[in-house]
Protein backbone atom coordinates (compact mmCIF):
# COMPACT_ATOMS: atom_id res chain seq x y z
CA MET A 1 8.10 -11.82 -9.00
CA ALA A 2 5.91 -10.96 -6.03
CA ILE A 3 2.96 -9.85 -8.20
CA GLN A 4 2.22 -10.38 -11.89
CA ILE A 5 -0.80 -8.56 -13.29
CA GLN A 6 -1.49 -9.93 -16.75
CA GLY A 7 -3.95 -8.19 -19.08
CA VAL A 8 -6.43 -7.39 -16.32
CA SER A 9 -9.68 -5.66 -17.27
CA LYS A 10 -12.56 -4.89 -14.93
CA SER A 11 -16.06 -3.70 -15.70
CA PHE A 12 -18.99 -2.90 -13.43
CA VAL A 13 -22.70 -2.62 -14.18
CA SER A 14 -24.17 0.73 -13.15
CA ALA A 15 -27.54 1.24 -11.49
CA THR A 16 -28.98 2.00 -14.93
CA GLY A 17 -27.62 -1.24 -16.38
CA GLU A 18 -24.78 0.43 -18.27
CA ASP A 19 -21.51 -1.49 -18.53
CA ILE A 20 -18.69 0.70 -17.18
CA GLN A 21 -15.12 -0.36 -17.90
CA VAL A 22 -12.69 0.76 -15.18
CA LEU A 23 -9.54 -1.20 -16.09
CA ALA A 24 -8.43 -2.04 -19.63
CA GLU A 25 -5.66 -4.58 -20.20
CA VAL A 26 -3.61 -3.55 -17.16
CA SER A 27 -0.28 -5.38 -16.96
CA MET A 28 2.59 -4.88 -14.52
CA GLN A 29 5.16 -6.89 -12.63
CA ILE A 30 6.22 -6.11 -9.06
CA LYS A 31 9.47 -7.58 -7.78
CA LYS A 32 9.95 -9.27 -4.43
CA GLN A 33 10.97 -6.89 -1.64
CA GLU A 34 10.72 -3.75 -3.77
CA PHE A 35 8.60 -0.72 -2.90
CA PHE A 36 6.29 -0.03 -5.83
CA SER A 37 3.86 2.88 -6.11
CA ILE A 38 0.83 3.45 -8.32
CA VAL A 39 -0.24 7.01 -9.14
CA GLY A 40 -2.97 8.23 -11.44
CA PRO A 41 -5.94 10.58 -11.82
CA SER A 42 -8.68 10.43 -9.20
CA GLY A 43 -11.20 7.72 -10.00
CA CYS A 44 -8.93 5.87 -12.41
CA GLY A 45 -9.27 2.54 -10.60
CA LYS A 46 -6.21 2.37 -8.33
CA SER A 47 -8.24 0.94 -5.45
CA THR A 48 -9.88 -1.52 -7.87
CA ILE A 49 -6.40 -2.83 -8.72
CA PHE A 50 -5.67 -3.26 -5.01
CA ASN A 51 -8.93 -5.10 -4.42
CA ILE A 52 -8.13 -7.48 -7.29
CA ILE A 53 -4.60 -8.13 -5.96
CA ALA A 54 -6.06 -8.81 -2.51
CA GLY A 55 -8.60 -11.24 -3.96
CA LEU A 56 -11.56 -9.10 -2.92
CA LEU A 57 -12.64 -8.59 -6.55
CA LYS A 58 -12.35 -10.86 -9.56
CA PRO A 59 -11.14 -9.36 -12.85
CA THR A 60 -13.49 -9.44 -15.83
CA ASN A 61 -10.55 -10.59 -17.97
CA GLY A 62 -6.91 -11.39 -17.30
CA LYS A 63 -5.29 -12.78 -14.19
CA VAL A 64 -3.19 -11.87 -11.17
CA ILE A 65 -0.42 -14.13 -9.88
CA VAL A 66 0.79 -13.51 -6.33
CA CYS A 67 3.87 -15.36 -5.06
CA GLY A 68 3.43 -17.91 -7.86
CA GLU A 69 -0.29 -18.54 -7.24
CA GLU A 70 -3.15 -17.26 -9.38
CA ILE A 71 -5.51 -15.24 -7.20
CA ASN A 72 -9.20 -16.18 -7.18
CA GLN A 73 -9.96 -15.32 -3.56
CA THR A 74 -8.35 -13.69 -0.52
CA THR A 75 -4.88 -14.96 0.24
CA GLY A 76 -2.56 -15.01 3.23
CA HIS A 77 0.22 -13.69 0.99
CA VAL A 78 -1.32 -10.20 1.01
CA GLY A 79 -1.86 -7.76 3.88
CA TYR A 80 -3.94 -4.61 3.36
CA MET A 81 -3.27 -1.33 5.20
CA MET A 82 -5.98 1.22 4.49
CA GLN A 83 -6.16 5.00 4.62
CA LYS A 84 -7.85 4.89 8.03
CA ASP A 85 -6.17 2.81 10.72
CA LEU A 86 -9.50 1.13 11.64
CA LEU A 87 -8.28 0.36 15.17
CA LEU A 88 -11.11 -0.83 17.40
CA PRO A 89 -11.55 1.83 20.12
CA TRP A 90 -12.71 -0.64 22.80
CA ARG A 91 -9.63 -2.85 22.43
CA SER A 92 -6.18 -2.08 23.79
CA ILE A 93 -3.25 -1.64 21.39
CA LEU A 94 -2.12 -5.21 22.18
CA ASP A 95 -5.59 -6.59 21.51
CA ASN A 96 -5.84 -4.63 18.26
CA VAL A 97 -2.52 -6.01 17.06
CA THR A 98 -3.54 -9.59 17.89
CA LEU A 99 -6.90 -9.36 16.09
CA GLY A 100 -5.79 -11.10 12.88
CA LEU A 101 -4.10 -13.89 14.83
CA GLU A 102 -7.23 -14.28 16.97
CA VAL A 103 -9.36 -14.68 13.84
CA LYS A 104 -6.95 -17.40 12.70
CA GLY A 105 -7.60 -19.29 15.93
CA MET A 106 -4.19 -18.85 17.56
CA SER A 107 -4.09 -19.24 21.35
CA LYS A 108 -4.18 -16.09 23.48
CA LYS A 109 -0.68 -16.69 24.86
CA ASP A 110 0.91 -17.32 21.46
CA ARG A 111 -0.71 -14.36 19.78
CA GLY A 112 0.17 -12.13 22.75
CA ASP A 113 3.81 -13.21 22.61
CA ILE A 114 4.03 -12.54 18.87
CA ALA A 115 2.33 -9.15 19.17
CA MET A 116 4.53 -8.03 22.06
CA ASP A 117 7.63 -9.02 20.12
CA TYR A 118 6.57 -6.73 17.25
CA LEU A 119 5.51 -3.89 19.55
CA ASP A 120 8.85 -4.10 21.36
CA ARG A 121 10.78 -4.29 18.08
CA TYR A 122 9.22 -1.06 16.83
CA GLY A 123 9.14 0.95 20.05
CA LEU A 124 5.50 0.59 21.03
CA ALA A 125 5.70 -2.00 23.84
CA SER A 126 5.02 0.65 26.51
CA PHE A 127 1.68 1.41 24.81
CA ALA A 128 0.45 -2.20 24.74
CA GLU A 129 -2.28 -1.57 27.34
CA ALA A 130 -3.20 1.88 26.05
CA TYR A 131 -6.26 2.55 23.88
CA PRO A 132 -6.28 4.01 20.36
CA SER A 133 -7.81 7.32 21.45
CA THR A 134 -4.67 8.11 23.50
CA LEU A 135 -2.28 7.74 20.55
CA SER A 136 -1.26 10.27 17.90
CA GLY A 137 -2.21 9.71 14.25
CA GLY A 138 1.30 8.58 13.37
CA MET A 139 1.44 6.10 16.23
CA ARG A 140 -1.95 4.69 15.29
CA GLN A 141 -0.73 4.08 11.74
CA ARG A 142 2.36 2.30 13.08
CA VAL A 143 0.07 0.08 15.14
CA ALA A 144 -2.04 -0.59 12.04
CA LEU A 145 1.09 -1.64 10.15
CA ILE A 146 2.20 -3.94 12.98
CA ARG A 147 -1.29 -5.48 13.08
CA THR A 148 -0.84 -6.25 9.39
CA LEU A 149 2.70 -7.60 9.79
CA VAL A 150 1.97 -10.07 12.61
CA THR A 151 -0.07 -12.24 10.24
CA GLN A 152 3.12 -12.68 8.15
CA PRO A 153 1.99 -11.62 4.65
CA ASP A 154 4.62 -11.44 1.92
CA ILE A 155 3.11 -8.30 0.40
CA ILE A 156 1.73 -5.18 2.10
CA LEU A 157 -0.79 -3.06 0.15
CA LEU A 158 -0.81 0.52 1.40
CA ASP A 159 -3.88 2.53 0.40
CA GLU A 160 -2.87 6.17 1.01
CA PRO A 161 -1.88 5.48 4.65
CA PHE A 162 -0.30 8.92 5.14
CA SER A 163 -3.04 11.12 3.67
CA ALA A 164 -4.79 12.00 6.94
CA LEU A 165 -1.55 12.96 8.72
CA ASP A 166 0.13 16.35 9.04
CA TYR A 167 3.13 16.98 6.78
CA GLN A 168 5.84 16.52 9.43
CA THR A 169 4.34 13.25 10.66
CA ARG A 170 4.03 12.01 7.08
CA LEU A 171 7.73 12.58 6.43
CA ILE A 172 8.69 10.72 9.61
CA LEU A 173 6.28 7.87 8.96
CA GLU A 174 7.44 7.41 5.36
CA ASP A 175 10.92 6.62 6.64
CA GLU A 176 9.65 4.41 9.46
CA ILE A 177 7.36 2.31 7.27
CA LEU A 178 10.01 1.99 4.57
CA SER A 179 12.54 0.86 7.18
CA ILE A 180 10.11 -1.64 8.72
CA LEU A 181 9.17 -3.19 5.38
CA LYS A 182 12.83 -3.47 4.34
CA SER A 183 13.86 -5.05 7.66
CA GLU A 184 10.97 -7.52 7.46
CA GLY A 185 11.79 -8.39 3.83
CA LYS A 186 8.31 -7.43 2.60
CA THR A 187 7.11 -6.18 -0.76
CA GLY A 188 5.35 -2.83 -0.41
CA VAL A 189 2.78 -1.51 -2.90
CA LEU A 190 1.44 2.02 -2.37
CA ILE A 191 -1.36 3.94 -4.05
CA THR A 192 -1.18 7.68 -3.57
CA HIS A 193 -2.14 11.02 -5.09
CA ASP A 194 1.08 12.56 -3.74
CA ILE A 195 3.74 12.42 -6.47
CA GLU A 196 6.52 13.62 -4.13
CA GLU A 197 5.67 10.91 -1.64
CA ALA A 198 5.79 8.25 -4.34
CA ILE A 199 9.16 9.47 -5.64
CA ALA A 200 10.66 9.69 -2.14
CA ILE A 201 9.70 6.19 -1.07
CA SER A 202 9.56 4.05 -4.22
CA ASP A 203 11.89 1.82 -6.16
CA ARG A 204 9.52 2.12 -9.13
CA ILE A 205 6.33 4.04 -9.95
CA ALA A 206 3.54 3.10 -12.36
CA VAL A 207 1.61 6.04 -13.82
CA MET A 208 -1.95 5.14 -14.77
CA SER A 209 -4.13 6.70 -17.47
CA LYS A 210 -7.67 7.97 -17.08
CA ARG A 211 -10.52 5.44 -17.35
CA PRO A 212 -10.67 2.95 -18.87
CA THR A 213 -7.33 2.67 -17.13
CA THR A 214 -4.12 1.15 -18.37
CA VAL A 215 -0.46 1.55 -17.42
CA LYS A 216 0.90 4.64 -19.13
CA GLN A 217 4.51 4.52 -17.95
CA VAL A 218 6.68 2.83 -15.30
CA TYR A 219 9.53 4.89 -13.85
CA ASP A 220 12.64 3.44 -12.22
CA ILE A 221 13.34 5.65 -9.19
CA GLY A 222 15.26 3.93 -6.37
CA LEU A 223 16.29 7.09 -4.49
CA ALA A 224 15.13 5.80 -1.10
CA SER A 225 17.11 2.60 -1.58
CA GLN A 226 20.15 4.63 -2.63
CA TYR A 227 20.03 6.94 0.40
CA GLY A 228 18.44 4.53 2.90
CA SER A 229 15.86 7.21 3.65
CA ALA A 230 12.78 8.65 1.95
CA LEU A 231 13.51 12.02 3.56
CA LYS A 232 17.09 12.16 2.21
CA ALA A 233 15.84 11.05 -1.21
CA ARG A 234 14.00 14.37 -1.51
CA SER A 235 17.32 16.25 -1.64
CA ASP A 236 18.64 14.40 -4.72
CA HIS A 237 19.01 16.55 -7.82
CA LYS A 238 16.98 14.02 -9.85
CA PHE A 239 13.95 14.39 -7.55
CA LYS A 240 12.65 17.47 -9.38
CA GLN A 241 13.20 15.83 -12.76
CA TYR A 242 11.18 12.80 -11.75
CA PHE A 243 8.41 15.04 -10.40
CA GLU A 244 8.18 17.06 -13.61
CA SER A 245 8.15 13.93 -15.79
CA ILE A 246 5.43 12.21 -13.76
CA TRP A 247 3.41 15.41 -13.40
CA SER A 248 3.48 15.94 -17.15
CA GLU A 249 1.99 12.47 -17.63
CA LEU A 250 -0.77 13.18 -15.11
CA ASP A 251 -1.31 16.72 -16.37
CA ILE A 252 -2.00 15.43 -19.88
CA GLN A 253 -4.56 13.02 -18.47
CA MET A 254 -6.25 15.65 -16.29
CA GLY A 255 -6.40 17.96 -19.28
CA ARG A 256 -8.34 15.31 -21.15
CA ILE A 257 -10.75 14.85 -18.27
CA SER A 258 -11.52 18.57 -17.92
């Protein structure tokens, strides 16, 4: 398994001193090289789960095992791609991609060679000396993914990376990111509010409850793997069935919140 989340609970103390439980006995297993999505009501703690997997937060109870190692701090096994690309506007595309390698102390020549190899592999070599402001939103997200990949993590956490993009660009980028992760042999974990996006791109989907959050249901999907494309997966006759099933789970939860 790439990730094993075992009975994880997480509580925070509010400004008034109240103990607020966000996660309650969350357990799930994510296989190596699969694309796994997490959906749930707003504020249910999806990002908290990501921060625990990444080693940025410690669980109150339970444990997380990543690539066979229990996580107590940040780990090189995990790369984190956020909703915003967070490219540094004063650095060229090449220098943005090499940032993680620079922090690790790699020589300028070595990190430049590695970054150019990735940029060339994914069609962005001609933009190496360009600056982020000259790129489209979709291209910036591709650069952000490459910046994550060059540090060689086993697992890529994707925190709603398509949400700020227009619909057409999102559809294109879903296929591109899925293809890149598959070709690189990476495990992808996505959190999203978009049920259709999750169905189109995922091997499996975990549906979370309202807070205190637990795993309500895990769906086996696999349409993107079957068709080799997230876009083609949307045309499968089972797509609507999956949507209605997952929506009914979320609708029940939202009904309880309101």
